[in-house]
Amino acid sequence: MRGLICPFALFVCFVVGCSPAEEKAVMKEVEASETAAQKVYRGDRQNQATEQKSDAFWKRASVEVYRSPEELLAQDARERRHGLVLDKIARGPGDKHELALTFDDGPHPDLTLKLLALLKQENVKATFFVIGKMVEKHPELLKAIAADGHTIGNHTFSHVTLTKIPVADIQVEYRANNDIVKKTIGQNMKFCRPPGGDYDSDVIHAAEACGLTTVLWTDDPGDYANPGDNVIEERTLAKLTNGGIILLHDGVKETLDVLPQIIAYAKKKGFSFVTIDEFSKK
């Protein structure tokens, strides 16, 4: 029913009848819904979601929802059982000894350049799912990511849980990020990742409408919680499989510290590293 409350209220008023005061209240709700997107995206100016703090949808959306690899796999299985085919990449080709490193939530002012230096030293290309409001604050870091040849993906503008906001605002979140990235480096993004991996068919279709394919993951060591170097390494290495998509985060020092060991182990086991863009072409 997300995004259908206001039209339904209008329908009730039309069929059943409303008092002038009730009709005015319904129209006010409709106007609020129609202008909600403008609070996030207003012309050429992208705005942080803090302007949405008084909005009920955004209060819920600000609480991040997390989906584990097992939950994502179960959701995919349910979709297949019901014949639901959604435009998403859950993993790469199973017949290729390849892995994709992905980094969410950047660019980060303290650690992105160090991460780029490490990846260059290891001769590894990765995929960075960037947040629009972070790009707006640190455009030079996005330029550095692009200059090093990494794939850049859309992680929304405000980093909100997309299943908790109106459908129209999902597109707004993706579009605002598309625009700031295009303005900064002149590139159109092809891939996106919903925060927390929380998605439904509305989220996938909204991404498609913005020219984006949704990317999930097979391997998540939970580095965002800073569990410790050893824990991140052990969790990551325990689940390496052909076509694996590894979820890590830009801005986590523990990840930066342990990444050389992860890359070295994977290479020793015969894996090579590719970007999501390369996965999509196979």
Protein backbone atom coordinates (compact mmCIF):
# COMPACT_ATOMS: atom_id res chain seq x y z
CA MET A 1 0.00 0.00 0.00
CA ARG A 2 3.10 2.23 0.02
CA GLY A 3 2.28 5.43 -1.86
CA LEU A 4 -1.46 4.64 -2.18
CA ILE A 5 -2.81 6.31 0.96
CA CYS A 6 -3.54 9.70 -0.55
CA PRO A 7 -5.23 8.45 -3.77
CA PHE A 8 -7.40 6.13 -1.66
CA ALA A 9 -8.45 9.00 0.58
CA LEU A 10 -9.41 11.03 -2.48
CA PHE A 11 -11.46 8.10 -3.79
CA VAL A 12 -13.35 7.80 -0.50
CA CYS A 13 -14.13 11.51 -0.54
CA PHE A 14 -15.38 11.29 -4.11
CA VAL A 15 -17.64 8.25 -3.54
CA VAL A 16 -18.81 8.69 0.04
CA GLY A 17 -18.52 12.42 0.39
CA CYS A 18 -16.48 14.56 2.76
CA SER A 19 -17.09 17.69 4.70
CA PRO A 20 -15.21 20.78 3.51
CA ALA A 21 -12.81 20.39 6.44
CA GLU A 22 -12.17 16.69 5.63
CA GLU A 23 -11.68 17.44 1.95
CA LYS A 24 -9.21 20.17 2.81
CA ALA A 25 -7.27 17.75 5.06
CA VAL A 26 -7.11 15.13 2.30
CA MET A 27 -5.88 17.65 -0.25
CA LYS A 28 -3.24 18.84 2.19
CA GLU A 29 -2.04 15.25 2.55
CA VAL A 30 -1.93 14.84 -1.23
CA GLU A 31 0.07 18.05 -1.63
CA ALA A 32 2.49 16.93 1.10
CA SER A 33 3.01 13.61 -0.65
CA GLU A 34 3.57 15.24 -4.04
CA THR A 35 6.10 17.72 -2.68
CA ALA A 36 7.94 15.28 -0.40
CA ALA A 37 10.42 14.46 -3.13
CA GLN A 38 11.35 18.09 -3.47
CA LYS A 39 12.70 18.05 0.07
CA VAL A 40 15.34 15.59 -1.06
CA TYR A 41 15.84 16.77 -4.61
CA ARG A 42 15.23 20.37 -5.59
CA GLY A 43 16.31 21.39 -9.08
CA ASP A 44 20.09 21.32 -9.37
CA ARG A 45 20.55 21.25 -5.61
CA GLN A 46 20.71 17.90 -3.84
CA ASN A 47 19.72 18.10 -0.20
CA GLN A 48 20.48 15.93 2.78
CA ALA A 49 17.57 13.94 4.18
CA THR A 50 17.77 15.79 7.49
CA GLU A 51 15.10 18.06 6.03
CA GLN A 52 12.77 15.06 6.19
CA LYS A 53 13.07 14.45 9.95
CA SER A 54 9.49 15.54 10.67
CA ASP A 55 8.05 13.28 7.96
CA ALA A 56 6.63 9.94 9.16
CA PHE A 57 7.97 7.98 6.19
CA TRP A 58 11.47 9.33 6.71
CA LYS A 59 11.45 8.66 10.44
CA ARG A 60 10.92 4.98 9.65
CA ALA A 61 13.31 5.03 6.72
CA SER A 62 16.14 6.46 8.81
CA VAL A 63 16.27 3.22 10.81
CA GLU A 64 18.45 0.94 8.71
CA VAL A 65 17.26 -2.58 7.96
CA TYR A 66 19.89 -5.23 7.34
CA ARG A 67 19.52 -8.33 5.17
CA SER A 68 22.03 -11.16 5.63
CA PRO A 69 23.25 -13.22 2.65
CA GLU A 70 21.05 -16.06 3.88
CA GLU A 71 17.98 -13.82 3.98
CA LEU A 72 18.71 -12.51 0.49
CA LEU A 73 19.07 -16.08 -0.79
CA ALA A 74 15.76 -17.08 0.80
CA GLN A 75 14.03 -14.03 -0.68
CA ASP A 76 15.39 -14.90 -4.12
CA ALA A 77 14.12 -18.48 -3.73
CA ARG A 78 10.63 -17.22 -2.82
CA GLU A 79 10.60 -14.97 -5.87
CA ARG A 80 11.54 -17.87 -8.13
CA ARG A 81 8.87 -20.12 -6.66
CA HIS A 82 6.27 -17.47 -7.48
CA GLY A 83 7.64 -16.91 -10.97
CA LEU A 84 8.77 -13.39 -10.10
CA VAL A 85 11.74 -12.34 -12.22
CA LEU A 86 13.37 -9.12 -11.02
CA ASP A 87 16.24 -7.21 -12.60
CA LYS A 88 18.97 -7.83 -10.04
CA ILE A 89 22.44 -9.35 -9.75
CA ALA A 90 22.73 -11.64 -6.74
CA ARG A 91 26.06 -13.22 -7.74
CA GLY A 92 28.41 -13.61 -10.68
CA PRO A 93 28.85 -16.62 -12.99
CA GLY A 94 29.23 -19.86 -11.03
CA ASP A 95 31.60 -21.37 -13.59
CA LYS A 96 34.20 -18.62 -13.21
CA HIS A 97 36.84 -18.50 -10.47
CA GLU A 98 36.11 -14.81 -9.97
CA LEU A 99 35.12 -12.53 -7.10
CA ALA A 100 33.83 -8.97 -6.92
CA LEU A 101 34.91 -6.67 -4.11
CA THR A 102 32.30 -4.01 -3.40
CA PHE A 103 32.58 -1.06 -1.02
CA ASP A 104 29.50 0.79 0.27
CA ASP A 105 28.89 4.14 1.97
CA GLY A 106 31.74 6.26 0.57
CA PRO A 107 33.44 8.31 -0.40
CA HIS A 108 35.07 8.67 3.02
CA PRO A 109 37.29 11.69 3.75
CA ASP A 110 39.80 9.79 5.90
CA LEU A 111 40.11 6.38 4.28
CA THR A 112 39.02 6.36 0.62
CA LEU A 113 42.39 7.48 -0.72
CA LYS A 114 44.16 4.86 1.41
CA LEU A 115 41.79 2.21 0.10
CA LEU A 116 42.45 3.29 -3.48
CA ALA A 117 46.19 3.14 -2.90
CA LEU A 118 45.90 -0.39 -1.51
CA LEU A 119 43.78 -1.59 -4.42
CA LYS A 120 46.23 -0.09 -6.90
CA GLN A 121 49.13 -1.80 -5.14
CA GLU A 122 47.29 -5.13 -5.34
CA ASN A 123 46.24 -4.50 -8.97
CA VAL A 124 42.60 -5.07 -8.06
CA LYS A 125 39.58 -3.28 -9.49
CA ALA A 126 36.47 -2.98 -7.31
CA THR A 127 32.97 -1.52 -7.32
CA PHE A 128 32.15 1.46 -5.10
CA PHE A 129 28.49 2.04 -4.20
CA VAL A 130 28.55 5.71 -3.24
CA ILE A 131 26.10 7.85 -1.27
CA GLY A 132 25.04 11.06 -2.99
CA LYS A 133 25.34 13.33 0.03
CA MET A 134 28.90 12.04 0.57
CA VAL A 135 29.74 12.74 -3.07
CA GLU A 136 28.37 16.24 -2.66
CA LYS A 137 30.72 16.81 0.29
CA HIS A 138 33.78 15.13 -1.26
CA PRO A 139 33.60 15.32 -5.06
CA GLU A 140 37.39 15.08 -5.37
CA LEU A 141 37.28 11.59 -3.85
CA LEU A 142 34.72 10.39 -6.39
CA LYS A 143 36.98 11.71 -9.13
CA ALA A 144 39.87 9.73 -7.64
CA ILE A 145 37.79 6.52 -7.61
CA ALA A 146 36.82 7.03 -11.25
CA ALA A 147 40.37 7.93 -12.28
CA ASP A 148 41.61 4.60 -10.92
CA GLY A 149 39.20 2.70 -13.16
CA HIS A 150 36.82 1.32 -10.56
CA THR A 151 33.11 0.84 -11.24
CA ILE A 152 30.86 3.33 -9.45
CA GLY A 153 27.36 2.37 -8.32
CA ASN A 154 24.40 4.19 -6.77
CA HIS A 155 23.76 3.68 -3.02
CA THR A 156 20.99 6.33 -2.91
CA PHE A 157 21.43 9.97 -2.04
CA SER A 158 20.45 9.89 1.65
CA HIS A 159 21.10 6.24 2.62
CA VAL A 160 17.56 5.48 3.76
CA THR A 161 15.67 2.17 3.80
CA LEU A 162 13.86 2.29 0.48
CA THR A 163 11.03 -0.08 1.42
CA LYS A 164 9.97 2.45 4.07
CA ILE A 165 9.41 5.47 1.81
CA PRO A 166 6.83 6.24 -0.90
CA VAL A 167 7.53 4.70 -4.30
CA ALA A 168 8.02 8.08 -5.96
CA ASP A 169 10.69 8.98 -3.42
CA ILE A 170 12.65 5.82 -4.20
CA GLN A 171 13.21 7.15 -7.68
CA VAL A 172 14.05 10.55 -6.22
CA GLU A 173 16.78 8.99 -4.07
CA TYR A 174 18.33 7.19 -7.03
CA ARG A 175 17.86 10.08 -9.44
CA ALA A 176 19.45 12.62 -7.11
CA ASN A 177 22.52 10.40 -6.76
CA ASN A 178 22.64 9.76 -10.51
CA ASP A 179 22.65 13.50 -11.09
CA ILE A 180 25.36 14.45 -8.59
CA VAL A 181 27.66 11.68 -9.86
CA LYS A 182 27.05 12.65 -13.49
CA LYS A 183 27.71 16.28 -12.63
CA THR A 184 30.94 15.37 -10.82
CA ILE A 185 32.61 12.89 -13.18
CA GLY A 186 30.45 12.92 -16.31
CA GLN A 187 29.52 9.25 -16.00
CA ASN A 188 26.14 7.52 -15.92
CA MET A 189 25.91 4.80 -13.31
CA LYS A 190 24.46 1.42 -14.34
CA PHE A 191 24.20 -0.32 -10.99
CA CYS A 192 22.69 0.40 -7.59
CA ARG A 193 22.46 -1.18 -4.17
CA PRO A 194 19.58 -0.50 -1.75
CA PRO A 195 20.85 0.32 1.76
CA GLY A 196 20.87 -2.75 3.96
CA GLY A 197 19.97 -4.91 0.96
CA ASP A 198 16.33 -4.28 1.83
CA TYR A 199 14.27 -4.44 -1.36
CA ASP A 200 10.94 -5.46 -2.83
CA SER A 201 9.55 -5.34 -6.36
CA ASP A 202 8.80 -1.60 -6.03
CA VAL A 203 12.44 -0.90 -5.16
CA ILE A 204 13.72 -2.97 -8.09
CA HIS A 205 11.31 -1.36 -10.58
CA ALA A 206 12.14 2.14 -9.31
CA ALA A 207 15.81 1.40 -9.95
CA GLU A 208 14.99 0.18 -13.46
CA ALA A 209 13.11 3.41 -14.13
CA CYS A 210 16.32 5.26 -13.30
CA GLY A 211 18.40 3.07 -15.63
CA LEU A 212 19.87 1.00 -12.80
CA THR A 213 20.28 -2.72 -12.13
CA THR A 214 20.16 -3.71 -8.46
CA VAL A 215 23.20 -5.51 -7.04
CA LEU A 216 23.12 -7.58 -3.84
CA TRP A 217 25.82 -9.81 -2.29
CA THR A 218 26.79 -13.34 -1.31
CA ASP A 219 29.38 -12.57 1.36
CA ASP A 220 29.10 -10.07 4.21
CA PRO A 221 31.57 -10.17 7.10
CA GLY A 222 29.72 -7.38 8.91
CA ASP A 223 32.69 -5.01 8.86
CA TYR A 224 30.41 -2.01 9.47
CA ALA A 225 30.11 -3.16 13.10
CA ASN A 226 33.91 -3.16 13.59
CA PRO A 227 34.03 -6.77 14.86
CA GLY A 228 37.83 -6.88 14.67
CA ASP A 229 40.42 -7.64 11.98
CA ASN A 230 40.46 -11.38 12.57
CA VAL A 231 36.69 -11.69 12.52
CA ILE A 232 36.39 -9.79 9.22
CA GLU A 233 39.09 -11.94 7.66
CA GLU A 234 37.70 -15.25 8.91
CA ARG A 235 34.12 -14.47 7.90
CA THR A 236 35.15 -13.33 4.44
CA LEU A 237 37.50 -16.20 3.64
CA ALA A 238 35.06 -18.83 4.92
CA LYS A 239 32.55 -18.06 2.15
CA LEU A 240 34.63 -17.51 -0.98
CA THR A 241 32.84 -19.11 -3.93
CA ASN A 242 32.81 -18.72 -7.70
CA GLY A 243 30.93 -15.57 -8.63
CA GLY A 244 30.93 -14.30 -5.07
CA ILE A 245 30.08 -10.66 -4.39
CA ILE A 246 31.78 -9.45 -1.21
CA LEU A 247 30.15 -6.60 0.70
CA LEU A 248 32.62 -4.33 2.51
CA HIS A 249 32.49 -0.68 3.55
CA ASP A 250 34.52 2.34 2.59
CA GLY A 251 35.53 4.14 5.78
CA VAL A 252 36.14 1.12 8.05
CA LYS A 253 39.77 1.03 9.18
CA GLU A 254 39.62 -2.63 10.23
CA THR A 255 38.63 -3.53 6.67
CA LEU A 256 41.54 -1.52 5.31
CA ASP A 257 43.93 -3.28 7.69
CA VAL A 258 42.83 -6.81 6.77
CA LEU A 259 42.14 -6.36 3.05
CA PRO A 260 45.69 -7.28 1.90
CA GLN A 261 45.39 -10.68 3.62
CA ILE A 262 41.95 -11.29 2.10
CA ILE A 263 43.19 -10.47 -1.40
CA ALA A 264 46.36 -12.55 -0.98
CA TYR A 265 44.42 -15.60 0.24
CA ALA A 266 41.87 -15.35 -2.58
CA LYS A 267 44.59 -15.08 -5.20
CA LYS A 268 46.42 -18.05 -3.68
CA LYS A 269 43.22 -20.06 -4.07
CA GLY A 270 43.11 -19.14 -7.76
CA PHE A 271 40.49 -16.40 -7.64
CA SER A 272 40.75 -13.24 -9.72
CA PHE A 273 38.94 -9.99 -8.93
CA VAL A 274 36.50 -8.29 -11.30
CA THR A 275 34.02 -5.43 -11.13
CA ILE A 276 30.24 -5.77 -11.16
CA ASP A 277 30.35 -4.28 -14.64
CA GLU A 278 32.53 -7.20 -15.77
CA PHE A 279 30.19 -9.70 -14.06
CA SER A 280 27.22 -8.24 -15.91
CA LYS A 281 28.84 -8.82 -19.30
CA LYS A 282 29.37 -12.56 -18.75
